[in-house]
Amino acid sequence: MGPRMYLYEKALEAHYQDLRREMAESRLLAHLPRHRWSMSRHAAGKLGTLLLKLGTWLKQFEQSHTAIDDHV
């Protein structure tokens, strides 16, 4: 085995180690929770829906009291 073949094999081995490290990092990143943003969006959506329902309920409540005051 000549010096060029030795260097080639060392470079190839280093390249494979880099690939293995990148694959391991990818696997670790794939297992991290991705739903943090979706959870906050979901919570914001639920809060928005709740506020819309509350606003609608308050308008109905106000209209019913206005109608009662008009009849009295």
N, C-alpha and C. Protein backbone atom coordinates (compact mmCIF):
# COMPACT_ATOMS: atom_id res chain seq x y z
N MET A 1 0.85 -1.16 0.00
CA MET A 1 0.00 0.00 0.00
C MET A 1 0.90 1.23 0.00
N GLY A 2 0.74 2.03 -1.03
CA GLY A 2 1.57 3.23 -1.17
C GLY A 2 1.03 4.39 -0.35
N PRO A 3 1.80 5.46 -0.27
CA PRO A 3 1.39 6.61 0.52
C PRO A 3 0.09 7.25 0.01
N ARG A 4 -0.11 7.21 -1.32
CA ARG A 4 -1.33 7.80 -1.85
C ARG A 4 -2.56 6.99 -1.45
N MET A 5 -2.44 5.68 -1.49
CA MET A 5 -3.56 4.82 -1.11
C MET A 5 -3.88 4.99 0.37
N TYR A 6 -2.86 5.13 1.19
CA TYR A 6 -3.06 5.33 2.63
C TYR A 6 -3.81 6.64 2.88
N LEU A 7 -3.37 7.71 2.21
CA LEU A 7 -4.02 9.01 2.37
C LEU A 7 -5.46 8.97 1.86
N TYR A 8 -5.65 8.27 0.74
CA TYR A 8 -7.00 8.13 0.19
C TYR A 8 -7.92 7.42 1.17
N GLU A 9 -7.44 6.32 1.75
CA GLU A 9 -8.25 5.57 2.71
C GLU A 9 -8.53 6.40 3.96
N LYS A 10 -7.58 7.17 4.43
CA LYS A 10 -7.79 8.03 5.60
C LYS A 10 -8.83 9.11 5.29
N ALA A 11 -8.72 9.69 4.09
CA ALA A 11 -9.69 10.72 3.69
C ALA A 11 -11.09 10.12 3.56
N LEU A 12 -11.16 8.92 3.00
CA LEU A 12 -12.43 8.23 2.86
C LEU A 12 -13.02 7.90 4.23
N GLU A 13 -12.21 7.44 5.14
CA GLU A 13 -12.65 7.14 6.49
C GLU A 13 -13.17 8.40 7.20
N ALA A 14 -12.45 9.51 7.05
CA ALA A 14 -12.89 10.78 7.65
C ALA A 14 -14.21 11.23 7.05
N HIS A 15 -14.37 11.03 5.74
CA HIS A 15 -15.61 11.40 5.08
C HIS A 15 -16.77 10.56 5.62
N TYR A 16 -16.57 9.26 5.77
CA TYR A 16 -17.61 8.40 6.31
C TYR A 16 -17.96 8.77 7.75
N GLN A 17 -16.96 9.15 8.53
CA GLN A 17 -17.24 9.59 9.90
C GLN A 17 -18.09 10.86 9.90
N ASP A 18 -17.79 11.77 8.99
CA ASP A 18 -18.60 12.99 8.87
C ASP A 18 -20.04 12.65 8.50
N LEU A 19 -20.19 11.74 7.55
CA LEU A 19 -21.54 11.33 7.15
C LEU A 19 -22.30 10.69 8.30
N ARG A 20 -21.62 9.82 9.05
CA ARG A 20 -22.27 9.17 10.20
C ARG A 20 -22.68 10.20 11.25
N ARG A 21 -21.82 11.19 11.50
CA ARG A 21 -22.13 12.24 12.47
C ARG A 21 -23.34 13.06 12.01
N GLU A 22 -23.37 13.41 10.73
CA GLU A 22 -24.49 14.17 10.20
C GLU A 22 -25.79 13.38 10.28
N MET A 23 -25.72 12.08 10.01
CA MET A 23 -26.91 11.24 10.10
C MET A 23 -27.39 11.14 11.54
N ALA A 24 -26.47 11.00 12.47
CA ALA A 24 -26.85 10.95 13.88
C ALA A 24 -27.48 12.26 14.34
N GLU A 25 -26.93 13.39 13.89
CA GLU A 25 -27.52 14.69 14.22
C GLU A 25 -28.92 14.82 13.63
N SER A 26 -29.09 14.34 12.41
CA SER A 26 -30.41 14.40 11.77
C SER A 26 -31.42 13.57 12.54
N ARG A 27 -31.00 12.39 13.00
CA ARG A 27 -31.90 11.56 13.79
C ARG A 27 -32.29 12.25 15.09
N LEU A 28 -31.32 12.87 15.75
CA LEU A 28 -31.62 13.58 16.99
C LEU A 28 -32.58 14.74 16.74
N LEU A 29 -32.34 15.50 15.68
CA LEU A 29 -33.23 16.62 15.37
C LEU A 29 -34.63 16.14 15.00
N ALA A 30 -34.72 14.98 14.37
CA ALA A 30 -36.03 14.45 13.99
C ALA A 30 -36.86 14.09 15.22
N HIS A 31 -36.21 13.77 16.33
CA HIS A 31 -36.93 13.38 17.54
C HIS A 31 -37.28 14.56 18.44
N LEU A 32 -36.79 15.74 18.11
CA LEU A 32 -37.12 16.91 18.91
C LEU A 32 -38.57 17.30 18.67
N PRO A 33 -39.24 17.83 19.68
CA PRO A 33 -40.64 18.22 19.47
C PRO A 33 -40.73 19.41 18.51
N ARG A 34 -41.56 19.26 17.52
CA ARG A 34 -41.75 20.32 16.54
C ARG A 34 -43.02 21.10 16.81
N HIS A 35 -43.82 20.64 17.74
CA HIS A 35 -45.14 21.19 17.92
C HIS A 35 -45.19 22.41 18.83
N ARG A 36 -44.06 22.99 19.18
CA ARG A 36 -44.10 24.18 20.03
C ARG A 36 -44.86 25.30 19.35
N TRP A 37 -44.53 25.56 18.09
CA TRP A 37 -45.22 26.62 17.38
C TRP A 37 -46.66 26.25 17.15
N SER A 38 -46.92 25.02 16.80
CA SER A 38 -48.30 24.63 16.54
C SER A 38 -49.13 24.68 17.82
N MET A 39 -48.50 24.39 18.95
CA MET A 39 -49.24 24.48 20.22
C MET A 39 -49.61 25.92 20.52
N SER A 40 -48.69 26.84 20.30
CA SER A 40 -48.99 28.24 20.57
C SER A 40 -50.01 28.77 19.58
N ARG A 41 -49.93 28.35 18.34
CA ARG A 41 -50.94 28.75 17.35
C ARG A 41 -52.30 28.19 17.72
N HIS A 42 -52.31 26.95 18.16
CA HIS A 42 -53.56 26.32 18.57
C HIS A 42 -54.16 27.06 19.75
N ALA A 43 -53.33 27.40 20.73
CA ALA A 43 -53.81 28.14 21.90
C ALA A 43 -54.32 29.52 21.50
N ALA A 44 -53.61 30.20 20.61
CA ALA A 44 -54.05 31.51 20.15
C ALA A 44 -55.37 31.40 19.39
N GLY A 45 -55.52 30.37 18.61
CA GLY A 45 -56.77 30.15 17.88
C GLY A 45 -57.93 29.90 18.83
N LYS A 46 -57.68 29.08 19.84
CA LYS A 46 -58.73 28.80 20.83
C LYS A 46 -59.11 30.07 21.58
N LEU A 47 -58.12 30.87 21.96
CA LEU A 47 -58.39 32.12 22.65
C LEU A 47 -59.19 33.07 21.76
N GLY A 48 -58.83 33.16 20.49
CA GLY A 48 -59.57 34.00 19.55
C GLY A 48 -61.01 33.55 19.41
N THR A 49 -61.22 32.25 19.31
CA THR A 49 -62.58 31.71 19.22
C THR A 49 -63.36 32.03 20.48
N LEU A 50 -62.74 31.87 21.62
CA LEU A 50 -63.39 32.17 22.89
C LEU A 50 -63.78 33.65 22.97
N LEU A 51 -62.88 34.52 22.54
CA LEU A 51 -63.18 35.96 22.57
C LEU A 51 -64.31 36.32 21.61
N LEU A 52 -64.34 35.69 20.44
CA LEU A 52 -65.45 35.92 19.51
C LEU A 52 -66.78 35.47 20.11
N LYS A 53 -66.79 34.31 20.73
CA LYS A 53 -68.01 33.81 21.36
C LYS A 53 -68.45 34.72 22.50
N LEU A 54 -67.48 35.18 23.28
CA LEU A 54 -67.79 36.08 24.38
C LEU A 54 -68.37 37.40 23.86
N GLY A 55 -67.78 37.92 22.80
CA GLY A 55 -68.29 39.16 22.20
C GLY A 55 -69.70 38.98 21.68
N THR A 56 -69.97 37.87 21.01
CA THR A 56 -71.31 37.59 20.50
C THR A 56 -72.30 37.48 21.65
N TRP A 57 -71.90 36.79 22.71
CA TRP A 57 -72.77 36.61 23.87
C TRP A 57 -73.07 37.97 24.53
N LEU A 58 -72.04 38.82 24.64
CA LEU A 58 -72.25 40.14 25.25
C LEU A 58 -73.18 41.00 24.39
N LYS A 59 -73.06 40.93 23.06
CA LYS A 59 -73.97 41.68 22.19
C LYS A 59 -75.40 41.21 22.38
N GLN A 60 -75.60 39.88 22.43
CA GLN A 60 -76.94 39.35 22.64
C GLN A 60 -77.49 39.77 23.99
N PHE A 61 -76.63 39.73 25.00
CA PHE A 61 -77.03 40.12 26.34
C PHE A 61 -77.44 41.59 26.36
N GLU A 62 -76.65 42.43 25.69
CA GLU A 62 -76.93 43.87 25.64
C GLU A 62 -78.24 44.12 24.87
N GLN A 63 -78.45 43.42 23.77
CA GLN A 63 -79.66 43.61 22.98
C GLN A 63 -80.89 43.17 23.76
N SER A 64 -80.77 42.08 24.52
CA SER A 64 -81.93 41.62 25.29
C SER A 64 -82.28 42.61 26.39
N HIS A 65 -81.28 43.21 27.03
CA HIS A 65 -81.55 44.20 28.07
C HIS A 65 -82.08 45.50 27.46
N THR A 66 -81.64 45.87 26.28
CA THR A 66 -82.14 47.06 25.61
C THR A 66 -83.60 46.87 25.22
N ALA A 67 -83.94 45.65 24.76
CA ALA A 67 -85.32 45.36 24.37
C ALA A 67 -86.22 45.40 25.60
N ILE A 68 -85.76 44.91 26.74
CA ILE A 68 -86.56 44.91 27.97
C ILE A 68 -86.75 46.36 28.44
N ASP A 69 -85.72 47.18 28.38
CA ASP A 69 -85.81 48.58 28.78
C ASP A 69 -86.77 49.35 27.89
N ASP A 70 -86.83 49.03 26.59
CA ASP A 70 -87.73 49.71 25.67
C ASP A 70 -89.18 49.37 25.96
N HIS A 71 -89.47 48.18 26.45
CA HIS A 71 -90.83 47.76 26.73
C HIS A 71 -91.33 48.31 28.07
N VAL A 72 -90.44 48.62 28.94
CA VAL A 72 -90.83 49.07 30.27
C VAL A 72 -91.17 50.49 30.30
